[in-house]
Amino acid sequence: MTSFRKRTVQKPIRGTRTSPHTAQVITSSGNPSLDVVIGGGLPMGSICLIEEDRFMTHAKVLAKYFLAEGVISKQEIFLGSLDDIPAEMLRRLPKPLTELETEVEQRQEQAQEAGGAENGLRIAWRYNDLPLVNTEHATAKIGHHFNLMEQMDSMMLYYANTTMWDDSQKEQDIVIAEEFSKSSSPTTPSLEQQPAEDAPPIPGEETAPQEKVPPQEENSANNNNNNNNNNNSSSVTSSTKTGSQESQSQIFHNPRYRGLLNDIQQLLRDESFVAGTKKNLCRVCLTSLGSPLWYDDHFGEDLIKFLTLLMASVRNCNSVCLITMPMHLIAKYDASLVPKIRQLVDYAIELESFAGSERETHPAFKEYSGLLHLHKMSALNTLAVHMPDTTDLAFKLRRKKFVIEKFHLPPELQESSAKPDNCNSGLLSNSDATASLDF
C-alpha cells in the first residue's frame, strides 16, 4: 500500500482569500484603494473605525462600499444606525461594474494621464516616478469596482440577506403594549399583574387544575405533577433566553446599546458564522455611532462598554465590522474618550475634508478632497504590522468612485515676476558688502 493521500482543500468563504503576507483570511472593504492601504483587506474578526469628517459625507461613501461588497459576495449584512434610515441607505448602494467596464475605465484614465504628461509635468519631478496608491495599480483577487453615479439593482437587494436596526422596533413594541393595556377591560388585570394562578392558559399547553377544585381522584394529582414539570422546564428555557438581556440591562444605562448589542449577538450566534466552519461571513456596519442622538448622562461609560463587548463578539465568529463615528464631536464632549475608542478597534482611519476650510481654495490641494490619517494599524494573528509605503495619503471623491492616493505637492508656481528681481538685487547687495571683508 502506498502512503499517498489525496489532499482535500476546503473552499474558502465567499468573498475572502488568504493573505500571502500574513496568512490571514481577509475580505475586501469594498474600496480597492483602501484595501491596498490596510494590506489587502480587512482580516476576519477585525473592527475598522472610520472617523467621520465634519460634514459626514466621505465616511458614508466608504460605508456604502462596505455594504455593496457584502451584497455582491452574498454575505450576511447587519446595518445599524440612528442618524440614517437603514432601508434608504441600502437602496442607494452603488452599482457594481463588470470586468469589461473596469478595463474601459482604466484605459481612459491611462490615456488622460498620458495626455497630461505630454503637455507638461502634472506633479513635481521628484514625485513623478512614485506609484499611486490606486485601484488601477493594485492587483487584488478579491473586491469589486462600483459606480457611485448609479444605484444597485433592486433585485440584488431583494435576495440579499440583510438585518437592519434603527431602534424603531423597540418603540413599536412599547406602543403596542400601551394600546393593549388601554384596550383591556379595567376589571381584568394585565398579564404582568396577574398572579401565576389566575394567568390565562397558554395555547398548546395543558392547564393545571385550580385550587378551588378539591382533589378527589389520584389522576388529578398526577396531572398536577406533570403540569408542574412542564412549567418548570418552560421557566428554565425562558430564563436562559432572558438571562443575557437581564445581565446587559445591568451593564448599560442607555437601553439602545443593549438592544443593538442583543441583535448583533443574536445574528452572530448562527451556525454559519461559527469560527472554523468556513460557511459564510457576516458584515456588521454601524454608521454615526456616538452621535448626539446617543448622548445621555452615562454616554462615555456605555460607549466604552459597548465597544468592548462588540469586539469580543466579532472576534469569536466569522465576521468583520466597520464603524463610522463623529470623532470631532466626541472630542468636544470628552477628549479622553478618543484614545480609549481607538484602543478598542483594530484600524483607526481619520478623514480630514477640505470642505469649508482654507485648503479648499488653496492651489496645492485643488486636486484632492481631503487627507487620510492612519492612527492605528493592528497585527491580528501575526507578528508584523502591515504599513503602507508612506503615510502621506489623500483621497479624491470623484463622480464615479472614491480614490485614495499618495499625497504629492504640485509644481512650484510663479506668483509674480517681481519676486526673482528682488532676490537678485538682494544677492548683489550682499555680494558687494561681503566682498570688502578680509578673512
Protein backbone atom coordinates (compact mmCIF):
# COMPACT_ATOMS: atom_id res chain seq x y z
CA MET A 1 0.00 0.00 0.00
CA THR A 2 1.19 3.47 -0.81
CA SER A 3 1.26 6.29 1.68
CA PHE A 4 -0.15 8.71 -0.86
CA ARG A 5 -3.24 10.56 0.32
CA LYS A 6 -5.32 12.92 -1.71
CA ARG A 7 -5.20 16.38 -0.31
CA THR A 8 -8.62 17.83 0.42
CA VAL A 9 -8.71 21.61 0.36
CA GLN A 10 -11.67 23.35 1.92
CA LYS A 11 -13.31 26.00 -0.15
CA PRO A 12 -12.83 29.49 1.28
CA ILE A 13 -15.71 31.67 2.32
CA ARG A 14 -17.26 33.67 -0.49
CA GLY A 15 -15.50 36.99 -0.94
CA THR A 16 -12.42 36.05 1.12
CA ARG A 17 -8.88 34.87 0.45
CA THR A 18 -5.73 34.10 2.40
CA SER A 19 -3.22 36.91 2.53
CA PRO A 20 0.22 35.84 1.20
CA HIS A 21 1.96 38.25 3.59
CA THR A 22 0.28 37.47 6.91
CA ALA A 23 -1.53 34.14 6.17
CA GLN A 24 -4.75 35.70 7.44
CA VAL A 25 -8.19 35.26 5.95
CA ILE A 26 -9.06 38.70 4.63
CA THR A 27 -12.03 40.21 2.86
CA SER A 28 -12.37 43.37 0.83
CA SER A 29 -13.58 46.60 2.38
CA GLY A 30 -15.38 47.38 -0.86
CA ASN A 31 -12.87 50.03 -1.92
CA PRO A 32 -9.78 48.52 -3.61
CA SER A 33 -7.61 51.56 -2.85
CA LEU A 34 -8.42 51.27 0.86
CA ASP A 35 -7.59 47.57 0.70
CA VAL A 36 -4.10 48.42 -0.55
CA VAL A 37 -3.56 50.82 2.36
CA ILE A 38 -4.54 48.29 5.04
CA GLY A 39 -2.66 45.37 3.49
CA GLY A 40 -5.01 43.71 1.02
CA GLY A 41 -8.25 43.77 3.00
CA LEU A 42 -9.86 43.53 6.41
CA PRO A 43 -8.82 40.45 8.45
CA MET A 44 -11.62 38.26 9.70
CA GLY A 45 -12.64 39.23 13.22
CA SER A 46 -11.39 42.81 12.95
CA ILE A 47 -13.08 46.17 13.59
CA CYS A 48 -12.31 49.14 11.34
CA LEU A 49 -13.12 52.63 12.60
CA ILE A 50 -13.67 55.43 10.09
CA GLU A 51 -13.57 58.80 11.81
CA GLU A 52 -16.08 60.97 10.01
CA ASP A 53 -15.31 64.36 8.57
CA ARG A 54 -17.25 67.39 9.73
CA PHE A 55 -19.88 67.06 7.00
CA MET A 56 -20.14 63.23 7.30
CA THR A 57 -20.15 62.69 3.53
CA HIS A 58 -16.99 60.76 2.76
CA ALA A 59 -17.32 58.25 5.62
CA LYS A 60 -20.82 57.32 4.43
CA VAL A 61 -19.38 56.62 0.98
CA LEU A 62 -16.94 54.09 2.45
CA ALA A 63 -19.80 52.52 4.42
CA LYS A 64 -21.75 52.10 1.16
CA TYR A 65 -18.72 50.43 -0.42
CA PHE A 66 -18.53 48.05 2.54
CA LEU A 67 -22.22 47.12 2.28
CA ALA A 68 -22.20 46.80 -1.51
CA GLU A 69 -19.28 44.38 -1.37
CA GLY A 70 -21.24 42.21 1.04
CA VAL A 71 -24.25 42.15 -1.28
CA ILE A 72 -22.15 41.14 -4.30
CA SER A 73 -20.29 38.47 -2.31
CA LYS A 74 -23.61 37.06 -0.97
CA GLN A 75 -22.58 37.60 2.63
CA GLU A 76 -24.80 38.36 5.60
CA ILE A 77 -25.22 42.08 6.33
CA PHE A 78 -26.16 43.87 9.54
CA LEU A 79 -26.75 47.62 9.29
CA GLY A 80 -27.49 49.70 12.37
CA SER A 81 -27.88 53.46 12.68
CA LEU A 82 -29.84 56.14 14.49
CA ASP A 83 -28.93 59.07 12.24
CA ASP A 84 -29.66 57.33 8.93
CA ILE A 85 -32.55 55.23 7.69
CA PRO A 86 -31.02 51.78 7.02
CA ALA A 87 -33.55 50.84 4.32
CA GLU A 88 -32.92 54.07 2.44
CA MET A 89 -29.16 53.62 2.73
CA LEU A 90 -29.40 50.13 1.24
CA ARG A 91 -31.44 51.42 -1.70
CA ARG A 92 -28.66 53.87 -2.58
CA LEU A 93 -25.81 51.39 -2.73
CA PRO A 94 -23.52 51.85 -5.76
CA LYS A 95 -23.86 49.68 -8.83
CA PRO A 96 -21.12 47.07 -9.41
CA LEU A 97 -19.07 47.23 -12.58
CA THR A 98 -18.24 44.32 -14.81
CA GLU A 99 -14.68 43.40 -15.74
CA LEU A 100 -15.11 44.89 -19.20
CA GLU A 101 -16.33 48.20 -17.78
CA THR A 102 -13.43 48.40 -15.35
CA GLU A 103 -10.93 47.76 -18.16
CA VAL A 104 -12.51 50.52 -20.26
CA GLU A 105 -12.26 52.98 -17.37
CA GLN A 106 -8.64 52.06 -16.74
CA ARG A 107 -7.74 52.68 -20.37
CA GLN A 108 -9.49 56.03 -20.38
CA GLU A 109 -7.67 57.17 -17.25
CA GLN A 110 -4.33 56.00 -18.60
CA ALA A 111 -4.98 57.95 -21.80
CA GLN A 112 -5.80 61.07 -19.80
CA GLU A 113 -2.63 60.70 -17.74
CA ALA A 114 -0.55 60.24 -20.88
CA GLY A 115 -2.10 63.35 -22.43
CA GLY A 116 -1.32 65.36 -19.31
CA ALA A 117 2.28 64.17 -19.33
CA GLU A 118 2.73 65.31 -22.94
CA ASN A 119 1.54 68.81 -22.14
CA GLY A 120 3.83 69.06 -19.14
CA LEU A 121 4.56 67.69 -15.70
CA ARG A 122 1.36 67.29 -13.71
CA ILE A 123 3.27 66.91 -10.45
CA ALA A 124 6.71 67.76 -9.18
CA TRP A 125 9.59 65.87 -10.79
CA ARG A 126 10.62 64.14 -7.54
CA TYR A 127 7.15 62.52 -7.29
CA ASN A 128 6.88 61.57 -10.93
CA ASP A 129 8.25 58.03 -10.52
CA LEU A 130 6.28 57.16 -7.39
CA PRO A 131 3.36 54.76 -7.93
CA LEU A 132 -0.09 55.87 -6.90
CA VAL A 133 -1.98 54.04 -4.18
CA ASN A 134 -4.86 53.44 -6.52
CA THR A 135 -7.15 50.65 -7.60
CA GLU A 136 -5.69 50.56 -11.08
CA HIS A 137 -2.18 49.90 -9.80
CA ALA A 138 -3.21 47.23 -7.29
CA THR A 139 -3.81 43.68 -8.40
CA ALA A 140 -6.32 42.26 -5.92
CA LYS A 141 -8.05 38.93 -6.25
CA ILE A 142 -10.97 39.97 -4.08
CA GLY A 143 -13.18 43.01 -4.18
CA HIS A 144 -15.19 44.67 -6.90
CA HIS A 145 -15.40 48.05 -8.55
CA PHE A 146 -18.50 50.20 -8.17
CA ASN A 147 -20.04 53.21 -9.88
CA LEU A 148 -21.24 55.85 -7.44
CA MET A 149 -23.33 57.56 -10.11
CA GLU A 150 -25.70 54.61 -10.49
CA GLN A 151 -27.61 52.59 -7.90
CA MET A 152 -27.61 48.85 -7.41
CA ASP A 153 -30.33 46.74 -8.96
CA SER A 154 -33.33 46.26 -6.67
CA MET A 155 -33.43 42.53 -7.39
CA MET A 156 -29.92 42.10 -5.99
CA LEU A 157 -31.01 43.84 -2.81
CA TYR A 158 -34.15 41.73 -2.65
CA TYR A 159 -32.19 38.47 -2.48
CA ALA A 160 -29.54 39.88 -0.11
CA ASN A 161 -29.52 38.67 3.49
CA THR A 162 -29.80 41.92 5.42
CA THR A 163 -30.71 42.76 9.01
CA MET A 164 -31.47 46.39 9.86
CA TRP A 165 -31.63 48.16 13.20
CA ASP A 166 -32.74 51.73 13.87
CA ASP A 167 -34.38 51.34 17.31
CA SER A 168 -37.85 51.60 15.74
CA GLN A 169 -38.91 48.05 16.63
CA LYS A 170 -38.45 48.65 20.33
CA GLU A 171 -40.57 51.80 20.15
CA GLN A 172 -43.31 49.97 18.26
CA ASP A 173 -43.36 47.24 20.90
CA ILE A 174 -43.82 49.84 23.62
CA VAL A 175 -46.69 51.49 21.74
CA ILE A 176 -48.41 48.15 21.11
CA ALA A 177 -48.10 47.20 24.79
CA GLU A 178 -49.60 50.53 25.85
CA GLU A 179 -52.52 50.18 23.42
CA PHE A 180 -53.14 46.63 24.59
CA SER A 181 -53.20 47.71 28.23
CA LYS A 182 -55.60 50.56 27.43
CA SER A 183 -57.93 48.36 25.38
CA SER A 184 -58.12 45.69 28.10
CA SER A 185 -61.06 45.93 30.48
CA PRO A 186 -60.41 47.51 33.89
CA THR A 187 -61.83 44.51 35.71
CA THR A 188 -59.25 42.12 34.21
CA PRO A 189 -55.67 42.87 35.22
CA SER A 190 -52.83 42.81 32.69
CA LEU A 191 -50.66 39.79 32.05
CA GLU A 192 -47.82 41.11 34.17
CA GLN A 193 -50.09 41.98 37.13
CA GLN A 194 -51.91 38.64 37.15
CA PRO A 195 -50.59 36.00 39.55
CA ALA A 196 -49.44 32.68 38.24
CA GLU A 197 -52.66 31.00 39.35
CA ASP A 198 -55.01 33.44 37.59
CA ALA A 199 -52.92 33.83 34.40
CA PRO A 200 -54.70 32.82 31.16
CA PRO A 201 -53.76 29.42 29.74
CA ILE A 202 -51.01 29.28 27.15
CA PRO A 203 -52.23 27.78 23.86
CA GLY A 204 -50.80 24.36 23.20
CA GLU A 205 -50.19 23.51 26.85
CA GLU A 206 -52.33 21.65 29.38
CA THR A 207 -53.81 23.78 32.13
CA ALA A 208 -53.27 22.79 35.73
CA PRO A 209 -56.39 22.42 37.93
CA GLN A 210 -57.08 25.37 40.21
CA GLU A 211 -57.00 25.20 43.98
CA LYS A 212 -60.77 25.80 44.12
CA VAL A 213 -61.39 22.29 42.79
CA PRO A 214 -60.80 19.80 45.60
CA PRO A 215 -58.58 16.85 44.75
CA GLN A 216 -60.87 13.85 44.68
CA GLU A 217 -59.01 11.40 42.49
CA GLU A 218 -55.43 10.20 42.19
CA ASN A 219 -55.33 11.13 38.48
CA SER A 220 -55.66 14.81 39.32
CA ALA A 221 -52.53 14.61 41.47
CA ASN A 222 -50.56 13.02 38.64
CA ASN A 223 -51.72 15.72 36.23
CA ASN A 224 -50.62 18.40 38.67
CA ASN A 225 -47.13 16.89 38.86
CA ASN A 226 -46.84 16.68 35.10
CA ASN A 227 -48.00 20.26 34.64
CA ASN A 228 -45.58 21.49 37.28
CA ASN A 229 -42.71 19.77 35.47
CA ASN A 230 -43.76 21.40 32.19
CA ASN A 231 -43.94 24.80 33.83
CA ASN A 232 -40.50 24.34 35.38
CA SER A 233 -38.95 23.36 32.04
CA SER A 234 -40.55 26.32 30.28
CA SER A 235 -39.34 28.68 33.00
CA VAL A 236 -35.80 27.34 32.63
CA THR A 237 -35.79 27.92 28.86
CA SER A 238 -37.24 31.40 29.25
CA SER A 239 -34.70 32.25 31.91
CA THR A 240 -31.82 31.17 29.67
CA LYS A 241 -33.09 33.41 26.88
CA THR A 242 -33.64 36.43 29.10
CA GLY A 243 -30.53 35.86 31.24
CA SER A 244 -28.23 37.67 28.83
CA GLN A 245 -30.73 40.51 28.43
CA GLU A 246 -31.02 40.97 32.19
CA SER A 247 -27.24 40.97 32.58
CA GLN A 248 -26.83 43.53 29.79
CA SER A 249 -29.62 45.67 31.24
CA GLN A 250 -27.47 45.95 34.35
CA ILE A 251 -24.40 46.88 32.29
CA PHE A 252 -25.82 49.66 30.10
CA HIS A 253 -27.67 52.72 31.29
CA ASN A 254 -28.87 53.51 27.77
CA PRO A 255 -31.29 50.81 26.52
CA ARG A 256 -30.32 51.49 22.90
CA TYR A 257 -26.87 49.98 23.38
CA ARG A 258 -28.48 46.90 24.92
CA GLY A 259 -30.93 46.50 22.05
CA LEU A 260 -28.25 46.95 19.38
CA LEU A 261 -25.83 44.52 21.02
CA ASN A 262 -28.56 41.92 21.51
CA ASP A 263 -29.48 42.00 17.82
CA ILE A 264 -25.83 41.72 16.74
CA GLN A 265 -25.07 38.84 19.10
CA GLN A 266 -28.26 37.02 18.11
CA LEU A 267 -27.24 37.19 14.46
CA LEU A 268 -23.64 36.13 15.10
CA ARG A 269 -24.76 33.06 17.05
CA ASP A 270 -25.92 31.43 13.82
CA GLU A 271 -24.21 28.16 12.92
CA SER A 272 -22.98 29.52 9.58
CA PHE A 273 -20.77 32.07 11.37
CA VAL A 274 -19.07 29.70 13.80
CA ALA A 275 -15.30 30.11 13.68
CA GLY A 276 -13.66 27.34 11.66
CA THR A 277 -16.74 26.30 9.70
CA LYS A 278 -15.98 28.42 6.59
CA LYS A 279 -19.63 28.64 5.60
CA ASN A 280 -20.37 32.34 5.45
CA LEU A 281 -19.22 35.75 6.64
CA CYS A 282 -21.21 38.45 8.42
CA ARG A 283 -20.57 42.14 7.77
CA VAL A 284 -21.58 44.44 10.62
CA CYS A 285 -21.85 48.13 9.70
CA LEU A 286 -22.67 50.80 12.29
CA THR A 287 -22.91 54.37 11.00
CA SER A 288 -22.64 57.52 13.12
CA LEU A 289 -22.18 55.60 16.36
CA GLY A 290 -21.70 58.07 19.21
CA SER A 291 -23.58 60.92 17.53
CA PRO A 292 -25.62 63.38 19.66
CA LEU A 293 -28.61 61.02 19.39
CA TRP A 294 -26.70 58.64 21.69
CA TYR A 295 -25.91 61.26 24.33
CA ASP A 296 -27.02 60.83 27.94
CA ASP A 297 -25.53 61.20 31.40
CA HIS A 298 -23.52 57.97 31.03
CA PHE A 299 -22.54 58.36 27.36
CA GLY A 300 -18.81 57.68 27.68
CA GLU A 301 -19.20 54.73 30.04
CA ASP A 302 -21.82 53.00 27.88
CA LEU A 303 -19.89 53.59 24.67
CA ILE A 304 -16.69 52.03 26.02
CA LYS A 305 -18.60 49.02 27.36
CA PHE A 306 -20.41 48.56 24.07
CA LEU A 307 -17.19 48.58 22.03
CA THR A 308 -15.57 46.11 24.44
CA LEU A 309 -18.44 43.63 24.16
CA LEU A 310 -18.67 44.17 20.41
CA MET A 311 -15.01 43.29 19.94
CA ALA A 312 -15.48 40.08 21.93
CA SER A 313 -18.46 39.11 19.76
CA VAL A 314 -16.74 39.87 16.45
CA ARG A 315 -13.55 38.01 17.44
CA ASN A 316 -15.34 34.73 18.16
CA CYS A 317 -17.02 34.22 14.77
CA ASN A 318 -16.62 34.75 11.03
CA SER A 319 -17.37 38.45 10.83
CA VAL A 320 -15.90 41.87 10.15
CA CYS A 321 -17.15 45.21 11.43
CA LEU A 322 -16.95 48.75 10.10
CA ILE A 323 -17.94 51.67 12.33
CA THR A 324 -18.20 55.35 11.44
CA MET A 325 -18.06 57.81 14.34
CA PRO A 326 -18.07 61.63 14.52
CA MET A 327 -14.84 61.78 16.47
CA HIS A 328 -14.67 65.58 16.33
CA LEU A 329 -17.95 65.77 18.27
CA ILE A 330 -16.87 63.11 20.74
CA ALA A 331 -13.63 65.04 21.34
CA LYS A 332 -15.68 68.13 22.22
CA TYR A 333 -17.83 66.07 24.58
CA ASP A 334 -14.87 64.40 26.31
CA ALA A 335 -11.36 64.46 24.84
CA SER A 336 -10.26 61.48 26.94
CA LEU A 337 -12.66 59.19 25.03
CA VAL A 338 -10.74 59.47 21.75
CA PRO A 339 -7.66 57.37 22.71
CA LYS A 340 -9.89 54.88 24.54
CA ILE A 341 -12.06 54.34 21.49
CA ARG A 342 -9.04 53.89 19.21
CA GLN A 343 -7.65 51.33 21.62
CA LEU A 344 -10.78 49.18 21.25
CA VAL A 345 -10.60 48.90 17.44
CA ASP A 346 -8.09 47.33 15.08
CA TYR A 347 -7.93 50.06 12.43
CA ALA A 348 -8.48 53.76 13.11
CA ILE A 349 -8.65 55.91 9.97
CA GLU A 350 -9.47 59.60 10.04
CA LEU A 351 -10.88 61.50 7.08
CA GLU A 352 -9.99 65.21 7.10
CA SER A 353 -12.08 67.01 4.50
CA PHE A 354 -11.05 70.27 2.89
CA ALA A 355 -14.65 71.45 2.58
CA GLY A 356 -15.25 74.68 4.46
CA SER A 357 -11.56 75.29 5.16
CA GLU A 358 -8.82 77.44 3.61
CA ARG A 359 -7.29 74.39 1.92
CA GLU A 360 -10.33 74.02 -0.30
CA THR A 361 -9.28 77.03 -2.41
CA HIS A 362 -5.53 76.61 -1.98
CA PRO A 363 -3.81 75.68 -5.27
CA ALA A 364 -1.71 72.99 -3.57
CA PHE A 365 -4.82 70.97 -2.59
CA LYS A 366 -7.08 71.60 -5.56
CA GLU A 367 -6.75 68.02 -6.84
CA TYR A 368 -7.86 66.40 -3.57
CA SER A 369 -10.96 66.31 -1.42
CA GLY A 370 -9.12 65.74 1.86
CA LEU A 371 -6.36 63.98 3.75
CA LEU A 372 -6.38 60.45 5.19
CA HIS A 373 -4.65 59.84 8.53
CA LEU A 374 -3.78 56.38 9.85
CA HIS A 375 -3.99 56.45 13.64
CA LYS A 376 -3.83 52.71 14.29
CA MET A 377 -2.90 49.53 12.39
CA SER A 378 -3.16 46.29 14.36
CA ALA A 379 -1.50 42.91 13.90
CA LEU A 380 -4.03 40.08 14.15
CA ASN A 381 -2.54 36.55 14.37
CA THR A 382 0.75 37.86 13.00
CA LEU A 383 3.96 39.37 14.32
CA ALA A 384 4.46 42.30 11.96
CA VAL A 385 2.01 45.09 11.26
CA HIS A 386 1.46 45.99 7.64
CA MET A 387 2.35 49.61 6.95
CA PRO A 388 1.99 51.35 3.58
CA ASP A 389 4.96 52.82 1.78
CA THR A 390 4.02 56.28 3.01
CA THR A 391 1.52 57.70 5.48
CA ASP A 392 1.06 60.90 3.49
CA LEU A 393 -2.24 59.91 1.91
CA ALA A 394 -5.05 61.91 0.35
CA PHE A 395 -8.42 60.98 -1.12
CA LYS A 396 -10.48 62.15 -4.05
CA LEU A 397 -14.25 61.89 -4.28
CA ARG A 398 -14.93 61.80 -7.97
CA ARG A 399 -18.24 61.41 -9.69
CA LYS A 400 -17.98 57.66 -10.08
CA LYS A 401 -15.58 56.49 -7.38
CA PHE A 402 -13.66 57.22 -4.20
CA VAL A 403 -9.87 57.06 -4.71
CA ILE A 404 -7.00 57.11 -2.20
CA GLU A 405 -3.60 58.23 -3.47
CA LYS A 406 -0.22 59.28 -2.18
CA PHE A 407 -0.26 62.94 -1.38
CA HIS A 408 2.14 64.99 -3.51
CA LEU A 409 2.80 68.68 -3.94
CA PRO A 410 2.06 70.42 -7.23
CA PRO A 411 4.87 72.05 -9.22
CA GLU A 412 6.07 75.40 -7.96
CA LEU A 413 4.01 78.25 -9.37
CA GLN A 414 5.45 81.69 -10.15
CA GLU A 415 3.28 84.16 -8.31
CA SER A 416 4.84 87.30 -9.71
CA SER A 417 7.80 88.36 -11.76
CA ALA A 418 8.93 90.86 -9.12
CA LYS A 419 9.99 88.13 -6.69
CA PRO A 420 13.10 86.93 -8.58
CA ASP A 421 14.15 90.53 -9.23
CA ASN A 422 14.08 91.27 -5.55
CA CYS A 423 16.03 88.10 -4.85
CA ASN A 424 18.70 89.01 -7.42
CA SER A 425 19.02 92.54 -6.09
CA GLY A 426 19.42 91.16 -2.58
CA LEU A 427 22.09 88.75 -3.70
CA LEU A 428 24.02 91.50 -5.48
CA SER A 429 23.90 93.82 -2.50
CA ASN A 430 25.06 91.05 -0.19
CA SER A 431 27.92 90.14 -2.53
CA ASP A 432 29.16 93.77 -2.64
CA ALA A 433 29.01 94.01 1.13
CA THR A 434 30.89 90.78 1.72
CA ALA A 435 33.49 91.45 -0.98
CA SER A 436 35.24 94.13 1.15
CA LEU A 437 35.65 91.79 4.07
CA ASP A 438 39.09 90.33 4.74
CA PHE A 439 39.37 86.75 6.01
